[in-house]
């Protein structure tokens, strides 16, 4: 939403959002969530 407000709602595409937000999203996944998923995969 902040990115869309900054660029103007009509000037933002889904691809723009994906390009800008994906790195931030991946970096901000909590370590506890990553660890839990990794443990489940190992158990499997």
ModelCIF file with pLDDT and N, C-alpha, C, O atoms, coordinates in Angstrom:
data_MODEL
#
_entry.id   MODEL 
#
_entity.id                         1 
_entity.type                       polymer 
_entity.pdbx_number_of_molecules   1 
#
_entity_poly.entity_id                      1 
_entity_poly.type                           'polypeptide(L)' 
_entity_poly.nstd_linkage                   no 
_entity_poly.nstd_monomer                   no 
_entity_poly.pdbx_seq_one_letter_code       
;(UNK)(UNK)(UNK)(UNK)(UNK)(UNK)(UNK)(UNK)(UNK)(UNK)(UNK)(UNK)(UNK)(UNK)(UNK)(UNK)
(UNK)(UNK)(UNK)(UNK)(UNK)(UNK)(UNK)(UNK)(UNK)(UNK)(UNK)(UNK)(UNK)(UNK)(UNK)(UNK)
(UNK)(UNK)(UNK)(UNK)(UNK)(UNK)(UNK)(UNK)(UNK)(UNK)(UNK)(UNK)
;
_entity_poly.pdbx_seq_one_letter_code_can   XXXXXXXXXXXXXXXXXXXXXXXXXXXXXXXXXXXXXXXXXXXX 
_entity_poly.pdbx_strand_id                 A 
#
loop_
_entity_poly_seq.entity_id 
_entity_poly_seq.num 
_entity_poly_seq.mon_id 
_entity_poly_seq.hetero 
1 1  UNK n 
1 2  UNK n 
1 3  UNK n 
1 4  UNK n 
1 5  UNK n 
1 6  UNK n 
1 7  UNK n 
1 8  UNK n 
1 9  UNK n 
1 10 UNK n 
1 11 UNK n 
1 12 UNK n 
1 13 UNK n 
1 14 UNK n 
1 15 UNK n 
1 16 UNK n 
1 17 UNK n 
1 18 UNK n 
1 19 UNK n 
1 20 UNK n 
1 21 UNK n 
1 22 UNK n 
1 23 UNK n 
1 24 UNK n 
1 25 UNK n 
1 26 UNK n 
1 27 UNK n 
1 28 UNK n 
1 29 UNK n 
1 30 UNK n 
1 31 UNK n 
1 32 UNK n 
1 33 UNK n 
1 34 UNK n 
1 35 UNK n 
1 36 UNK n 
1 37 UNK n 
1 38 UNK n 
1 39 UNK n 
1 40 UNK n 
1 41 UNK n 
1 42 UNK n 
1 43 UNK n 
1 44 UNK n 
#
_struct_asym.id          A 
_struct_asym.entity_id   1 
#
loop_
_ma_qa_metric.id 
_ma_qa_metric.mode 
_ma_qa_metric.name 
_ma_qa_metric.software_group_id 
_ma_qa_metric.type 
1 global pLDDT . pLDDT 
2 local  pLDDT . pLDDT 
#
_ma_qa_metric_global.metric_id      1 
_ma_qa_metric_global.metric_value   93.82 
_ma_qa_metric_global.model_id       1 
_ma_qa_metric_global.ordinal_id     1 
#
loop_
_ma_qa_metric_local.label_asym_id 
_ma_qa_metric_local.label_comp_id 
_ma_qa_metric_local.label_seq_id 
_ma_qa_metric_local.metric_id 
_ma_qa_metric_local.metric_value 
_ma_qa_metric_local.model_id 
_ma_qa_metric_local.ordinal_id 
A UNK 1  2 94.00 1 1  
A UNK 2  2 94.00 1 2  
A UNK 3  2 94.00 1 3  
A UNK 4  2 93.00 1 4  
A UNK 5  2 93.00 1 5  
A UNK 6  2 93.00 1 6  
A UNK 7  2 92.00 1 7  
A UNK 8  2 91.00 1 8  
A UNK 9  2 87.00 1 9  
A UNK 10 2 89.00 1 10 
A UNK 11 2 91.00 1 11 
A UNK 12 2 92.00 1 12 
A UNK 13 2 92.00 1 13 
A UNK 14 2 93.00 1 14 
A UNK 15 2 93.00 1 15 
A UNK 16 2 91.00 1 16 
A UNK 17 2 93.00 1 17 
A UNK 18 2 94.00 1 18 
A UNK 19 2 94.00 1 19 
A UNK 20 2 92.00 1 20 
A UNK 21 2 94.00 1 21 
A UNK 22 2 95.00 1 22 
A UNK 23 2 95.00 1 23 
A UNK 24 2 94.00 1 24 
A UNK 25 2 95.00 1 25 
A UNK 26 2 95.00 1 26 
A UNK 27 2 95.00 1 27 
A UNK 28 2 96.00 1 28 
A UNK 29 2 96.00 1 29 
A UNK 30 2 96.00 1 30 
A UNK 31 2 96.00 1 31 
A UNK 32 2 96.00 1 32 
A UNK 33 2 96.00 1 33 
A UNK 34 2 96.00 1 34 
A UNK 35 2 97.00 1 35 
A UNK 36 2 97.00 1 36 
A UNK 37 2 96.00 1 37 
A UNK 38 2 95.00 1 38 
A UNK 39 2 96.00 1 39 
A UNK 40 2 95.00 1 40 
A UNK 41 2 93.00 1 41 
A UNK 42 2 93.00 1 42 
A UNK 43 2 93.00 1 43 
A UNK 44 2 93.00 1 44 
#
loop_
_atom_site.group_PDB 
_atom_site.id 
_atom_site.type_symbol 
_atom_site.label_atom_id 
_atom_site.label_alt_id 
_atom_site.label_comp_id 
_atom_site.label_asym_id 
_atom_site.label_entity_id 
_atom_site.label_seq_id 
_atom_site.pdbx_PDB_ins_code 
_atom_site.Cartn_x 
_atom_site.Cartn_y 
_atom_site.Cartn_z 
_atom_site.occupancy 
_atom_site.B_iso_or_equiv 
_atom_site.pdbx_formal_charge 
_atom_site.auth_seq_id 
_atom_site.auth_comp_id 
_atom_site.auth_asym_id 
_atom_site.auth_atom_id 
_atom_site.pdbx_PDB_model_num 
ATOM 1   N N  . UNK A 1 1  ? 0.832  -1.213  0.000   1.00 94.00 ? 1  UNK A N  1 
ATOM 2   C CA . UNK A 1 1  ? 0.000  0.000   0.000   1.00 94.00 ? 1  UNK A CA 1 
ATOM 3   C C  . UNK A 1 1  ? 0.863  1.258   0.000   1.00 94.00 ? 1  UNK A C  1 
ATOM 4   O O  . UNK A 1 1  ? 0.572  2.219   -0.712  1.00 94.00 ? 1  UNK A O  1 
ATOM 5   N N  . UNK A 1 2  ? 1.919  1.246   0.798   1.00 94.00 ? 2  UNK A N  1 
ATOM 6   C CA . UNK A 1 2  ? 2.808  2.411   0.855   1.00 94.00 ? 2  UNK A CA 1 
ATOM 7   C C  . UNK A 1 2  ? 3.473  2.639   -0.501  1.00 94.00 ? 2  UNK A C  1 
ATOM 8   O O  . UNK A 1 2  ? 3.594  3.779   -0.950  1.00 94.00 ? 2  UNK A O  1 
ATOM 9   N N  . UNK A 1 3  ? 3.900  1.569   -1.147  1.00 94.00 ? 3  UNK A N  1 
ATOM 10  C CA . UNK A 1 3  ? 4.520  1.695   -2.472  1.00 94.00 ? 3  UNK A CA 1 
ATOM 11  C C  . UNK A 1 3  ? 3.523  2.231   -3.484  1.00 94.00 ? 3  UNK A C  1 
ATOM 12  O O  . UNK A 1 3  ? 3.867  3.079   -4.306  1.00 94.00 ? 3  UNK A O  1 
ATOM 13  N N  . UNK A 1 4  ? 2.292  1.742   -3.430  1.00 93.00 ? 4  UNK A N  1 
ATOM 14  C CA . UNK A 1 4  ? 1.251  2.200   -4.361  1.00 93.00 ? 4  UNK A CA 1 
ATOM 15  C C  . UNK A 1 4  ? 0.924  3.675   -4.135  1.00 93.00 ? 4  UNK A C  1 
ATOM 16  O O  . UNK A 1 4  ? 0.708  4.417   -5.093  1.00 93.00 ? 4  UNK A O  1 
ATOM 17  N N  . UNK A 1 5  ? 0.887  4.101   -2.867  1.00 93.00 ? 5  UNK A N  1 
ATOM 18  C CA . UNK A 1 5  ? 0.632  5.522   -2.578  1.00 93.00 ? 5  UNK A CA 1 
ATOM 19  C C  . UNK A 1 5  ? 1.773  6.391   -3.099  1.00 93.00 ? 5  UNK A C  1 
ATOM 20  O O  . UNK A 1 5  ? 1.545  7.460   -3.665  1.00 93.00 ? 5  UNK A O  1 
ATOM 21  N N  . UNK A 1 6  ? 3.001  5.920   -2.902  1.00 93.00 ? 6  UNK A N  1 
ATOM 22  C CA . UNK A 1 6  ? 4.182  6.683   -3.326  1.00 93.00 ? 6  UNK A CA 1 
ATOM 23  C C  . UNK A 1 6  ? 4.223  6.854   -4.844  1.00 93.00 ? 6  UNK A C  1 
ATOM 24  O O  . UNK A 1 6  ? 4.490  7.951   -5.335  1.00 93.00 ? 6  UNK A O  1 
ATOM 25  N N  . UNK A 1 7  ? 3.962  5.781   -5.588  1.00 92.00 ? 7  UNK A N  1 
ATOM 26  C CA . UNK A 1 7  ? 4.045  5.816   -7.048  1.00 92.00 ? 7  UNK A CA 1 
ATOM 27  C C  . UNK A 1 7  ? 2.761  6.284   -7.715  1.00 92.00 ? 7  UNK A C  1 
ATOM 28  O O  . UNK A 1 7  ? 2.767  6.651   -8.890  1.00 92.00 ? 7  UNK A O  1 
ATOM 29  N N  . UNK A 1 8  ? 1.678  6.273   -6.983  1.00 91.00 ? 8  UNK A N  1 
ATOM 30  C CA . UNK A 1 8  ? 0.381  6.585   -7.573  1.00 91.00 ? 8  UNK A CA 1 
ATOM 31  C C  . UNK A 1 8  ? -0.311 5.288   -7.950  1.00 91.00 ? 8  UNK A C  1 
ATOM 32  O O  . UNK A 1 8  ? 0.247  4.454   -8.663  1.00 91.00 ? 8  UNK A O  1 
ATOM 33  N N  . UNK A 1 9  ? -1.518 5.130   -7.469  1.00 87.00 ? 9  UNK A N  1 
ATOM 34  C CA . UNK A 1 9  ? -2.226 3.870   -7.626  1.00 87.00 ? 9  UNK A CA 1 
ATOM 35  C C  . UNK A 1 9  ? -2.349 3.416   -9.078  1.00 87.00 ? 9  UNK A C  1 
ATOM 36  O O  . UNK A 1 9  ? -2.303 2.219   -9.361  1.00 87.00 ? 9  UNK A O  1 
ATOM 37  N N  . UNK A 1 10 ? -2.504 4.351   -9.981  1.00 89.00 ? 10 UNK A N  1 
ATOM 38  C CA . UNK A 1 10 ? -2.677 4.006   -11.393 1.00 89.00 ? 10 UNK A CA 1 
ATOM 39  C C  . UNK A 1 10 ? -1.353 3.744   -12.105 1.00 89.00 ? 10 UNK A C  1 
ATOM 40  O O  . UNK A 1 10 ? -1.344 3.318   -13.259 1.00 89.00 ? 10 UNK A O  1 
ATOM 41  N N  . UNK A 1 11 ? -0.248 3.993   -11.433 1.00 91.00 ? 11 UNK A N  1 
ATOM 42  C CA . UNK A 1 11 ? 1.071  3.818   -12.040 1.00 91.00 ? 11 UNK A CA 1 
ATOM 43  C C  . UNK A 1 11 ? 1.809  2.568   -11.548 1.00 91.00 ? 11 UNK A C  1 
ATOM 44  O O  . UNK A 1 11 ? 2.993  2.392   -11.834 1.00 91.00 ? 11 UNK A O  1 
ATOM 45  N N  . UNK A 1 12 ? 1.112  1.708   -10.811 1.00 92.00 ? 12 UNK A N  1 
ATOM 46  C CA . UNK A 1 12 ? 1.749  0.530   -10.237 1.00 92.00 ? 12 UNK A CA 1 
ATOM 47  C C  . UNK A 1 12 ? 1.129  -0.729  -10.831 1.00 92.00 ? 12 UNK A C  1 
ATOM 48  O O  . UNK A 1 12 ? -0.093 -0.856  -10.905 1.00 92.00 ? 12 UNK A O  1 
ATOM 49  N N  . UNK A 1 13 ? 1.981  -1.654  -11.252 1.00 92.00 ? 13 UNK A N  1 
ATOM 50  C CA . UNK A 1 13 ? 1.503  -2.948  -11.732 1.00 92.00 ? 13 UNK A CA 1 
ATOM 51  C C  . UNK A 1 13 ? 1.838  -4.024  -10.710 1.00 92.00 ? 13 UNK A C  1 
ATOM 52  O O  . UNK A 1 13 ? 2.640  -3.807  -9.801  1.00 92.00 ? 13 UNK A O  1 
ATOM 53  N N  . UNK A 1 14 ? 1.226  -5.164  -10.867 1.00 93.00 ? 14 UNK A N  1 
ATOM 54  C CA . UNK A 1 14 ? 1.519  -6.288  -9.982  1.00 93.00 ? 14 UNK A CA 1 
ATOM 55  C C  . UNK A 1 14 ? 2.993  -6.672  -10.111 1.00 93.00 ? 14 UNK A C  1 
ATOM 56  O O  . UNK A 1 14 ? 3.648  -6.995  -9.120  1.00 93.00 ? 14 UNK A O  1 
ATOM 57  N N  . UNK A 1 15 ? 3.506  -6.632  -11.341 1.00 93.00 ? 15 UNK A N  1 
ATOM 58  C CA . UNK A 1 15 ? 4.927  -6.959  -11.544 1.00 93.00 ? 15 UNK A CA 1 
ATOM 59  C C  . UNK A 1 15 ? 5.834  -5.994  -10.785 1.00 93.00 ? 15 UNK A C  1 
ATOM 60  O O  . UNK A 1 15 ? 6.850  -6.409  -10.227 1.00 93.00 ? 15 UNK A O  1 
ATOM 61  N N  . UNK A 1 16 ? 5.472  -4.699  -10.761 1.00 91.00 ? 16 UNK A N  1 
ATOM 62  C CA . UNK A 1 16 ? 6.244  -3.718  -9.991  1.00 91.00 ? 16 UNK A CA 1 
ATOM 63  C C  . UNK A 1 16 ? 6.271  -4.108  -8.514  1.00 91.00 ? 16 UNK A C  1 
ATOM 64  O O  . UNK A 1 16 ? 7.325  -4.113  -7.877  1.00 91.00 ? 16 UNK A O  1 
ATOM 65  N N  . UNK A 1 17 ? 5.098  -4.431  -7.987  1.00 93.00 ? 17 UNK A N  1 
ATOM 66  C CA . UNK A 1 17 ? 5.012  -4.809  -6.576  1.00 93.00 ? 17 UNK A CA 1 
ATOM 67  C C  . UNK A 1 17 ? 5.845  -6.050  -6.280  1.00 93.00 ? 17 UNK A C  1 
ATOM 68  O O  . UNK A 1 17 ? 6.572  -6.098  -5.288  1.00 93.00 ? 17 UNK A O  1 
ATOM 69  N N  . UNK A 1 18 ? 5.735  -7.040  -7.138  1.00 94.00 ? 18 UNK A N  1 
ATOM 70  C CA . UNK A 1 18 ? 6.498  -8.279  -6.929  1.00 94.00 ? 18 UNK A CA 1 
ATOM 71  C C  . UNK A 1 18 ? 7.993  -7.984  -6.934  1.00 94.00 ? 18 UNK A C  1 
ATOM 72  O O  . UNK A 1 18 ? 8.732  -8.483  -6.086  1.00 94.00 ? 18 UNK A O  1 
ATOM 73  N N  . UNK A 1 19 ? 8.432  -7.177  -7.885  1.00 94.00 ? 19 UNK A N  1 
ATOM 74  C CA . UNK A 1 19 ? 9.853  -6.854  -8.005  1.00 94.00 ? 19 UNK A CA 1 
ATOM 75  C C  . UNK A 1 19 ? 10.373 -6.116  -6.767  1.00 94.00 ? 19 UNK A C  1 
ATOM 76  O O  . UNK A 1 19 ? 11.487 -6.378  -6.312  1.00 94.00 ? 19 UNK A O  1 
ATOM 77  N N  . UNK A 1 20 ? 9.575  -5.202  -6.226  1.00 92.00 ? 20 UNK A N  1 
ATOM 78  C CA . UNK A 1 20 ? 10.014 -4.389  -5.095  1.00 92.00 ? 20 UNK A CA 1 
ATOM 79  C C  . UNK A 1 20 ? 9.841  -5.120  -3.761  1.00 92.00 ? 20 UNK A C  1 
ATOM 80  O O  . UNK A 1 20 ? 10.716 -5.043  -2.899  1.00 92.00 ? 20 UNK A O  1 
ATOM 81  N N  . UNK A 1 21 ? 8.738  -5.815  -3.586  1.00 94.00 ? 21 UNK A N  1 
ATOM 82  C CA . UNK A 1 21 ? 8.391  -6.378  -2.288  1.00 94.00 ? 21 UNK A CA 1 
ATOM 83  C C  . UNK A 1 21 ? 9.026  -7.753  -2.027  1.00 94.00 ? 21 UNK A C  1 
ATOM 84  O O  . UNK A 1 21 ? 9.326  -8.075  -0.877  1.00 94.00 ? 21 UNK A O  1 
ATOM 85  N N  . UNK A 1 22 ? 9.236  -8.560  -3.062  1.00 95.00 ? 22 UNK A N  1 
ATOM 86  C CA . UNK A 1 22 ? 9.741  -9.923  -2.868  1.00 95.00 ? 22 UNK A CA 1 
ATOM 87  C C  . UNK A 1 22 ? 11.036 -9.989  -2.051  1.00 95.00 ? 22 UNK A C  1 
ATOM 88  O O  . UNK A 1 22 ? 11.108 -10.776 -1.108  1.00 95.00 ? 22 UNK A O  1 
ATOM 89  N N  . UNK A 1 23 ? 12.059 -9.196  -2.376  1.00 95.00 ? 23 UNK A N  1 
ATOM 90  C CA . UNK A 1 23 ? 13.286 -9.281  -1.556  1.00 95.00 ? 23 UNK A CA 1 
ATOM 91  C C  . UNK A 1 23 ? 13.038 -8.930  -0.085  1.00 95.00 ? 23 UNK A C  1 
ATOM 92  O O  . UNK A 1 23 ? 13.589 -9.569  0.811   1.00 95.00 ? 23 UNK A O  1 
ATOM 93  N N  . UNK A 1 24 ? 12.214 -7.919  0.155   1.00 94.00 ? 24 UNK A N  1 
ATOM 94  C CA . UNK A 1 24 ? 11.908 -7.529  1.533   1.00 94.00 ? 24 UNK A CA 1 
ATOM 95  C C  . UNK A 1 24 ? 11.112 -8.625  2.234   1.00 94.00 ? 24 UNK A C  1 
ATOM 96  O O  . UNK A 1 24 ? 11.339 -8.921  3.407   1.00 94.00 ? 24 UNK A O  1 
ATOM 97  N N  . UNK A 1 25 ? 10.188 -9.213  1.507   1.00 95.00 ? 25 UNK A N  1 
ATOM 98  C CA . UNK A 1 25 ? 9.366  -10.275 2.081   1.00 95.00 ? 25 UNK A CA 1 
ATOM 99  C C  . UNK A 1 25 ? 10.184 -11.495 2.459   1.00 95.00 ? 25 UNK A C  1 
ATOM 100 O O  . UNK A 1 25 ? 10.022 -12.046 3.548   1.00 95.00 ? 25 UNK A O  1 
ATOM 101 N N  . UNK A 1 26 ? 11.056 -11.915 1.567   1.00 95.00 ? 26 UNK A N  1 
ATOM 102 C CA . UNK A 1 26 ? 11.887 -13.093 1.855   1.00 95.00 ? 26 UNK A CA 1 
ATOM 103 C C  . UNK A 1 26 ? 12.814 -12.837 3.036   1.00 95.00 ? 26 UNK A C  1 
ATOM 104 O O  . UNK A 1 26 ? 13.033 -13.716 3.869   1.00 95.00 ? 26 UNK A O  1 
ATOM 105 N N  . UNK A 1 27 ? 13.349 -11.641 3.099   1.00 95.00 ? 27 UNK A N  1 
ATOM 106 C CA . UNK A 1 27 ? 14.292 -11.313 4.170   1.00 95.00 ? 27 UNK A CA 1 
ATOM 107 C C  . UNK A 1 27 ? 13.597 -11.185 5.524   1.00 95.00 ? 27 UNK A C  1 
ATOM 108 O O  . UNK A 1 27 ? 14.234 -11.344 6.565   1.00 95.00 ? 27 UNK A O  1 
ATOM 109 N N  . UNK A 1 28 ? 12.308 -10.902 5.515   1.00 96.00 ? 28 UNK A N  1 
ATOM 110 C CA . UNK A 1 28 ? 11.629 -10.643 6.784   1.00 96.00 ? 28 UNK A CA 1 
ATOM 111 C C  . UNK A 1 28 ? 10.832 -11.833 7.324   1.00 96.00 ? 28 UNK A C  1 
ATOM 112 O O  . UNK A 1 28 ? 10.145 -11.694 8.336   1.00 96.00 ? 28 UNK A O  1 
ATOM 113 N N  . UNK A 1 29 ? 10.907 -12.988 6.679   1.00 96.00 ? 29 UNK A N  1 
ATOM 114 C CA . UNK A 1 29 ? 10.264 -14.183 7.242   1.00 96.00 ? 29 UNK A CA 1 
ATOM 115 C C  . UNK A 1 29 ? 11.009 -14.536 8.528   1.00 96.00 ? 29 UNK A C  1 
ATOM 116 O O  . UNK A 1 29 ? 12.230 -14.697 8.509   1.00 96.00 ? 29 UNK A O  1 
ATOM 117 N N  . UNK A 1 30 ? 10.291 -14.659 9.641   1.00 96.00 ? 30 UNK A N  1 
ATOM 118 C CA . UNK A 1 30 ? 10.959 -14.942 10.918  1.00 96.00 ? 30 UNK A CA 1 
ATOM 119 C C  . UNK A 1 30 ? 11.745 -16.256 10.883  1.00 96.00 ? 30 UNK A C  1 
ATOM 120 O O  . UNK A 1 30 ? 11.324 -17.237 10.269  1.00 96.00 ? 30 UNK A O  1 
ATOM 121 N N  . UNK A 1 31 ? 12.888 -16.247 11.552  1.00 96.00 ? 31 UNK A N  1 
ATOM 122 C CA . UNK A 1 31 ? 13.733 -17.441 11.610  1.00 96.00 ? 31 UNK A CA 1 
ATOM 123 C C  . UNK A 1 31 ? 13.007 -18.628 12.237  1.00 96.00 ? 31 UNK A C  1 
ATOM 124 O O  . UNK A 1 31 ? 13.248 -19.776 11.866  1.00 96.00 ? 31 UNK A O  1 
ATOM 125 N N  . UNK A 1 32 ? 12.118 -18.347 13.187  1.00 96.00 ? 32 UNK A N  1 
ATOM 126 C CA . UNK A 1 32 ? 11.382 -19.440 13.835  1.00 96.00 ? 32 UNK A CA 1 
ATOM 127 C C  . UNK A 1 32 ? 10.474 -20.158 12.837  1.00 96.00 ? 32 UNK A C  1 
ATOM 128 O O  . UNK A 1 32 ? 10.308 -21.375 12.912  1.00 96.00 ? 32 UNK A O  1 
ATOM 129 N N  . UNK A 1 33 ? 9.890  -19.410 11.910  1.00 96.00 ? 33 UNK A N  1 
ATOM 130 C CA . UNK A 1 33 ? 9.031  -20.012 10.881  1.00 96.00 ? 33 UNK A CA 1 
ATOM 131 C C  . UNK A 1 33 ? 9.879  -20.853 9.927   1.00 96.00 ? 33 UNK A C  1 
ATOM 132 O O  . UNK A 1 33 ? 9.500  -21.968 9.568   1.00 96.00 ? 33 UNK A O  1 
ATOM 133 N N  . UNK A 1 34 ? 11.025 -20.311 9.521   1.00 96.00 ? 34 UNK A N  1 
ATOM 134 C CA . UNK A 1 34 ? 11.925 -21.066 8.640   1.00 96.00 ? 34 UNK A CA 1 
ATOM 135 C C  . UNK A 1 34 ? 12.385 -22.359 9.315   1.00 96.00 ? 34 UNK A C  1 
ATOM 136 O O  . UNK A 1 34 ? 12.416 -23.417 8.687   1.00 96.00 ? 34 UNK A O  1 
ATOM 137 N N  . UNK A 1 35 ? 12.739 -22.266 10.589  1.00 97.00 ? 35 UNK A N  1 
ATOM 138 C CA . UNK A 1 35 ? 13.224 -23.430 11.329  1.00 97.00 ? 35 UNK A CA 1 
ATOM 139 C C  . UNK A 1 35 ? 12.144 -24.498 11.457  1.00 97.00 ? 35 UNK A C  1 
ATOM 140 O O  . UNK A 1 35 ? 12.422 -25.689 11.313  1.00 97.00 ? 35 UNK A O  1 
ATOM 141 N N  . UNK A 1 36 ? 10.911 -24.069 11.728  1.00 97.00 ? 36 UNK A N  1 
ATOM 142 C CA . UNK A 1 36 ? 9.818  -25.026 11.857  1.00 97.00 ? 36 UNK A CA 1 
ATOM 143 C C  . UNK A 1 36 ? 9.568  -25.759 10.535  1.00 97.00 ? 36 UNK A C  1 
ATOM 144 O O  . UNK A 1 36 ? 9.381  -26.975 10.522  1.00 97.00 ? 36 UNK A O  1 
ATOM 145 N N  . UNK A 1 37 ? 9.564  -25.018 9.431   1.00 96.00 ? 37 UNK A N  1 
ATOM 146 C CA . UNK A 1 37 ? 9.365  -25.648 8.130   1.00 96.00 ? 37 UNK A CA 1 
ATOM 147 C C  . UNK A 1 37 ? 10.516 -26.601 7.789   1.00 96.00 ? 37 UNK A C  1 
ATOM 148 O O  . UNK A 1 37 ? 10.290 -27.703 7.290   1.00 96.00 ? 37 UNK A O  1 
ATOM 149 N N  . UNK A 1 38 ? 11.717 -26.177 8.056   1.00 95.00 ? 38 UNK A N  1 
ATOM 150 C CA . UNK A 1 38 ? 12.874 -27.029 7.792   1.00 95.00 ? 38 UNK A CA 1 
ATOM 151 C C  . UNK A 1 38 ? 12.801 -28.321 8.598   1.00 95.00 ? 38 UNK A C  1 
ATOM 152 O O  . UNK A 1 38 ? 13.123 -29.396 8.091   1.00 95.00 ? 38 UNK A O  1 
ATOM 153 N N  . UNK A 1 39 ? 12.382 -28.214 9.845   1.00 96.00 ? 39 UNK A N  1 
ATOM 154 C CA . UNK A 1 39 ? 12.246 -29.411 10.689  1.00 96.00 ? 39 UNK A CA 1 
ATOM 155 C C  . UNK A 1 39 ? 11.173 -30.339 10.143  1.00 96.00 ? 39 UNK A C  1 
ATOM 156 O O  . UNK A 1 39 ? 11.350 -31.557 10.140  1.00 96.00 ? 39 UNK A O  1 
ATOM 157 N N  . UNK A 1 40 ? 10.069 -29.780 9.683   1.00 95.00 ? 40 UNK A N  1 
ATOM 158 C CA . UNK A 1 40 ? 9.002  -30.607 9.100   1.00 95.00 ? 40 UNK A CA 1 
ATOM 159 C C  . UNK A 1 40 ? 9.488  -31.313 7.835   1.00 95.00 ? 40 UNK A C  1 
ATOM 160 O O  . UNK A 1 40 ? 9.164  -32.479 7.609   1.00 95.00 ? 40 UNK A O  1 
ATOM 161 N N  . UNK A 1 41 ? 10.262 -30.611 7.017   1.00 93.00 ? 41 UNK A N  1 
ATOM 162 C CA . UNK A 1 41 ? 10.801 -31.219 5.796   1.00 93.00 ? 41 UNK A CA 1 
ATOM 163 C C  . UNK A 1 41 ? 11.774 -32.342 6.157   1.00 93.00 ? 41 UNK A C  1 
ATOM 164 O O  . UNK A 1 41 ? 11.741 -33.417 5.558   1.00 93.00 ? 41 UNK A O  1 
ATOM 165 N N  . UNK A 1 42 ? 12.632 -32.088 7.131   1.00 93.00 ? 42 UNK A N  1 
ATOM 166 C CA . UNK A 1 42 ? 13.574 -33.126 7.572   1.00 93.00 ? 42 UNK A CA 1 
ATOM 167 C C  . UNK A 1 42 ? 12.837 -34.353 8.090   1.00 93.00 ? 42 UNK A C  1 
ATOM 168 O O  . UNK A 1 42 ? 13.207 -35.483 7.771   1.00 93.00 ? 42 UNK A O  1 
ATOM 169 N N  . UNK A 1 43 ? 11.802 -34.137 8.884   1.00 93.00 ? 43 UNK A N  1 
ATOM 170 C CA . UNK A 1 43 ? 11.005 -35.256 9.406   1.00 93.00 ? 43 UNK A CA 1 
ATOM 171 C C  . UNK A 1 43 ? 10.377 -36.045 8.265   1.00 93.00 ? 43 UNK A C  1 
ATOM 172 O O  . UNK A 1 43 ? 10.364 -37.276 8.286   1.00 93.00 ? 43 UNK A O  1 
ATOM 173 N N  . UNK A 1 44 ? 9.863  -35.342 7.282   1.00 93.00 ? 44 UNK A N  1 
ATOM 174 C CA . UNK A 1 44 ? 9.271  -36.005 6.116   1.00 93.00 ? 44 UNK A CA 1 
ATOM 175 C C  . UNK A 1 44 ? 10.309 -36.852 5.407   1.00 93.00 ? 44 UNK A C  1 
ATOM 176 O O  . UNK A 1 44 ? 10.002 -37.490 4.400   1.00 93.00 ? 44 UNK A O  1 
#
